[in-house]
């Protein structure tokens, strides 16, 4: 079981359409409205954008950092 980690906001957009950038467990998550972009070298979703809620991305990061796997329902295809 992993310890509780908290995302840190490193840049906050002034308008709702601007990006908010988080740092979380060595990853960077850029979020704006309904899009979140993950930057985590070595992660299968590095550079992808698809998630509307940054909390979903934090869950994906936790599973990857702790266990080198993806949580359900995400699938890692090689």
N, C-alpha and C. Protein backbone atom coordinates (compact mmCIF):
# COMPACT_ATOMS: atom_id res chain seq x y z
N UNK A 1 0.85 -1.18 0.00
CA UNK A 1 0.00 0.00 0.00
C UNK A 1 0.89 1.23 0.00
N UNK A 2 0.63 2.14 -0.90
CA UNK A 2 1.47 3.33 -0.99
C UNK A 2 1.02 4.38 0.01
N UNK A 3 1.97 5.23 0.38
CA UNK A 3 1.63 6.34 1.26
C UNK A 3 0.87 7.39 0.48
N UNK A 4 0.21 8.27 1.19
CA UNK A 4 -0.59 9.33 0.54
C UNK A 4 0.35 10.38 -0.04
N UNK A 5 0.14 10.70 -1.30
CA UNK A 5 0.91 11.73 -1.98
C UNK A 5 -0.04 12.85 -2.38
N UNK A 6 0.48 14.05 -2.44
CA UNK A 6 -0.34 15.20 -2.82
C UNK A 6 0.25 15.88 -4.04
N UNK A 7 -0.58 16.18 -5.03
CA UNK A 7 -0.09 16.93 -6.19
C UNK A 7 0.23 18.36 -5.79
N UNK A 8 1.21 18.92 -6.46
CA UNK A 8 1.61 20.30 -6.21
C UNK A 8 1.35 21.11 -7.47
N UNK A 9 0.61 22.19 -7.34
CA UNK A 9 0.36 23.06 -8.48
C UNK A 9 1.62 23.90 -8.72
N UNK A 10 2.18 23.81 -9.93
CA UNK A 10 3.37 24.59 -10.25
C UNK A 10 3.06 25.75 -11.18
N UNK A 11 1.88 25.72 -11.78
CA UNK A 11 1.43 26.84 -12.62
C UNK A 11 -0.09 26.78 -12.70
N UNK A 12 -0.73 27.90 -12.41
CA UNK A 12 -2.19 27.93 -12.46
C UNK A 12 -2.64 28.95 -13.50
N UNK A 13 -3.47 28.49 -14.43
CA UNK A 13 -4.00 29.38 -15.44
C UNK A 13 -4.97 30.38 -14.82
N UNK A 14 -5.00 31.57 -15.37
CA UNK A 14 -5.89 32.61 -14.85
C UNK A 14 -7.32 32.42 -15.32
N UNK A 15 -7.50 31.89 -16.52
CA UNK A 15 -8.83 31.67 -17.08
C UNK A 15 -9.11 30.17 -17.09
N UNK A 16 -10.38 29.82 -17.18
CA UNK A 16 -10.76 28.41 -17.20
C UNK A 16 -10.16 27.67 -18.40
N UNK A 17 -9.88 28.39 -19.48
CA UNK A 17 -9.32 27.76 -20.67
C UNK A 17 -7.80 27.62 -20.61
N UNK A 18 -7.17 28.19 -19.61
CA UNK A 18 -5.72 28.09 -19.45
C UNK A 18 -5.35 26.75 -18.79
N UNK A 19 -4.10 26.36 -18.96
CA UNK A 19 -3.59 25.13 -18.36
C UNK A 19 -3.26 25.35 -16.88
N UNK A 20 -3.58 24.36 -16.07
CA UNK A 20 -3.05 24.25 -14.72
C UNK A 20 -2.05 23.10 -14.77
N UNK A 21 -0.86 23.33 -14.24
CA UNK A 21 0.19 22.32 -14.32
C UNK A 21 0.49 21.81 -12.91
N UNK A 22 0.45 20.49 -12.77
CA UNK A 22 0.71 19.83 -11.50
C UNK A 22 2.01 19.04 -11.59
N UNK A 23 2.70 18.91 -10.47
CA UNK A 23 3.81 17.98 -10.33
C UNK A 23 3.34 16.93 -9.33
N UNK A 24 3.50 15.66 -9.71
CA UNK A 24 3.03 14.58 -8.85
C UNK A 24 3.92 13.37 -9.01
N UNK A 25 4.65 13.03 -7.98
CA UNK A 25 5.48 11.83 -7.93
C UNK A 25 6.43 11.73 -9.12
N UNK A 26 7.02 12.84 -9.51
CA UNK A 26 7.98 12.86 -10.61
C UNK A 26 7.36 13.07 -11.98
N UNK A 27 6.06 13.13 -12.05
CA UNK A 27 5.35 13.34 -13.32
C UNK A 27 4.84 14.77 -13.38
N UNK A 28 4.57 15.21 -14.60
CA UNK A 28 3.92 16.49 -14.82
C UNK A 28 2.57 16.22 -15.47
N UNK A 29 1.54 16.87 -14.94
CA UNK A 29 0.19 16.74 -15.49
C UNK A 29 -0.30 18.14 -15.83
N UNK A 30 -0.62 18.34 -17.10
CA UNK A 30 -1.18 19.61 -17.58
C UNK A 30 -2.67 19.40 -17.76
N UNK A 31 -3.48 20.28 -17.14
CA UNK A 31 -4.93 20.11 -17.19
C UNK A 31 -5.61 21.41 -17.62
N UNK A 32 -6.56 21.30 -18.53
CA UNK A 32 -7.36 22.42 -18.97
C UNK A 32 -8.74 21.90 -19.34
N UNK A 33 -9.76 22.40 -18.68
CA UNK A 33 -11.15 22.02 -18.93
C UNK A 33 -11.31 20.51 -18.93
N UNK A 34 -11.45 19.88 -20.09
CA UNK A 34 -11.72 18.45 -20.14
C UNK A 34 -10.54 17.63 -20.64
N UNK A 35 -9.35 18.18 -20.58
CA UNK A 35 -8.17 17.48 -21.07
C UNK A 35 -7.06 17.50 -20.03
N UNK A 36 -6.43 16.36 -19.86
CA UNK A 36 -5.24 16.27 -19.01
C UNK A 36 -4.15 15.56 -19.82
N UNK A 37 -2.94 16.08 -19.78
CA UNK A 37 -1.81 15.51 -20.52
C UNK A 37 -0.78 15.03 -19.51
N UNK A 38 -0.37 13.78 -19.63
CA UNK A 38 0.62 13.17 -18.73
C UNK A 38 2.00 13.25 -19.35
N UNK A 39 2.98 13.68 -18.57
CA UNK A 39 4.39 13.62 -18.98
C UNK A 39 5.13 12.83 -17.91
N UNK A 40 5.47 11.60 -18.23
CA UNK A 40 6.21 10.73 -17.33
C UNK A 40 7.03 9.77 -18.18
N UNK A 41 8.30 10.09 -18.43
CA UNK A 41 9.13 9.24 -19.28
C UNK A 41 9.10 7.78 -18.82
N UNK A 42 8.92 6.89 -19.79
CA UNK A 42 8.86 5.47 -19.51
C UNK A 42 7.45 4.94 -19.29
N UNK A 43 6.51 5.83 -19.05
CA UNK A 43 5.12 5.41 -18.85
C UNK A 43 4.48 5.18 -20.21
N UNK A 44 3.64 4.15 -20.36
CA UNK A 44 3.03 3.90 -21.67
C UNK A 44 2.10 5.02 -22.15
N UNK A 45 1.63 5.87 -21.26
CA UNK A 45 0.76 6.98 -21.66
C UNK A 45 1.49 8.32 -21.68
N UNK A 46 2.81 8.31 -21.61
CA UNK A 46 3.59 9.55 -21.64
C UNK A 46 3.25 10.36 -22.89
N UNK A 47 2.85 11.62 -22.69
CA UNK A 47 2.54 12.50 -23.80
C UNK A 47 1.11 12.41 -24.31
N UNK A 48 0.34 11.46 -23.81
CA UNK A 48 -1.03 11.32 -24.27
C UNK A 48 -1.97 12.24 -23.50
N UNK A 49 -3.03 12.63 -24.16
CA UNK A 49 -4.06 13.42 -23.50
C UNK A 49 -5.40 12.74 -23.73
N UNK A 50 -6.13 12.55 -22.66
CA UNK A 50 -7.42 11.90 -22.82
C UNK A 50 -8.32 12.07 -21.61
N UNK A 51 -7.77 12.39 -20.49
CA UNK A 51 -8.52 12.34 -19.25
C UNK A 51 -9.06 13.72 -18.91
N UNK A 52 -10.31 13.79 -18.50
CA UNK A 52 -10.90 15.07 -18.16
C UNK A 52 -10.59 15.49 -16.74
N UNK A 53 -10.28 14.56 -15.89
CA UNK A 53 -10.07 14.84 -14.48
C UNK A 53 -8.64 14.51 -14.11
N UNK A 54 -7.90 15.47 -13.55
CA UNK A 54 -6.51 15.15 -13.19
C UNK A 54 -6.42 14.06 -12.13
N UNK A 55 -7.46 13.86 -11.32
CA UNK A 55 -7.44 12.79 -10.31
C UNK A 55 -7.29 11.41 -10.97
N UNK A 56 -7.86 11.23 -12.14
CA UNK A 56 -7.70 9.97 -12.87
C UNK A 56 -6.25 9.75 -13.25
N UNK A 57 -5.58 10.83 -13.65
CA UNK A 57 -4.17 10.72 -14.03
C UNK A 57 -3.32 10.42 -12.81
N UNK A 58 -3.62 11.02 -11.67
CA UNK A 58 -2.86 10.75 -10.44
C UNK A 58 -2.97 9.27 -10.06
N UNK A 59 -4.13 8.68 -10.25
CA UNK A 59 -4.34 7.25 -9.98
C UNK A 59 -3.48 6.39 -10.91
N UNK A 60 -3.40 6.79 -12.17
CA UNK A 60 -2.57 6.07 -13.13
C UNK A 60 -1.09 6.18 -12.76
N UNK A 61 -0.68 7.36 -12.33
CA UNK A 61 0.71 7.57 -11.89
C UNK A 61 1.02 6.71 -10.68
N UNK A 62 0.13 6.70 -9.68
CA UNK A 62 0.35 5.89 -8.47
C UNK A 62 0.58 4.43 -8.82
N UNK A 63 -0.29 3.87 -9.65
CA UNK A 63 -0.16 2.45 -10.01
C UNK A 63 1.16 2.19 -10.73
N UNK A 64 1.56 3.12 -11.59
CA UNK A 64 2.79 2.92 -12.36
C UNK A 64 4.03 3.03 -11.47
N UNK A 65 4.06 4.04 -10.63
CA UNK A 65 5.23 4.25 -9.76
C UNK A 65 5.34 3.13 -8.73
N UNK A 66 4.21 2.72 -8.16
CA UNK A 66 4.22 1.70 -7.11
C UNK A 66 4.39 0.28 -7.64
N UNK A 67 3.78 -0.03 -8.79
CA UNK A 67 3.71 -1.43 -9.23
C UNK A 67 4.07 -1.67 -10.69
N UNK A 68 4.42 -0.60 -11.44
CA UNK A 68 4.72 -0.73 -12.87
C UNK A 68 3.57 -1.38 -13.63
N UNK A 69 2.35 -1.00 -13.27
CA UNK A 69 1.16 -1.52 -13.93
C UNK A 69 0.15 -0.38 -14.08
N UNK A 70 -0.93 -0.65 -14.77
CA UNK A 70 -2.00 0.32 -14.92
C UNK A 70 -3.23 -0.18 -14.15
N UNK A 71 -3.97 0.74 -13.52
CA UNK A 71 -5.15 0.31 -12.78
C UNK A 71 -6.31 0.02 -13.73
N UNK A 72 -7.23 -0.85 -13.33
CA UNK A 72 -8.42 -1.06 -14.16
C UNK A 72 -9.19 0.26 -14.28
N UNK A 73 -9.75 0.57 -15.38
CA UNK A 73 -9.97 -0.22 -16.59
C UNK A 73 -8.91 0.03 -17.66
N UNK A 74 -7.80 0.66 -17.32
CA UNK A 74 -6.78 1.00 -18.32
C UNK A 74 -6.00 -0.25 -18.70
N UNK A 75 -5.62 -0.33 -19.97
CA UNK A 75 -4.94 -1.50 -20.49
C UNK A 75 -3.64 -1.05 -21.14
N UNK A 76 -2.58 -1.76 -20.86
CA UNK A 76 -1.28 -1.47 -21.46
C UNK A 76 -1.06 -2.47 -22.60
N UNK A 77 -1.11 -1.96 -23.81
CA UNK A 77 -0.88 -2.80 -24.99
C UNK A 77 0.48 -2.50 -25.56
N UNK A 78 1.20 -3.54 -25.87
CA UNK A 78 2.56 -3.37 -26.40
C UNK A 78 2.57 -3.51 -27.89
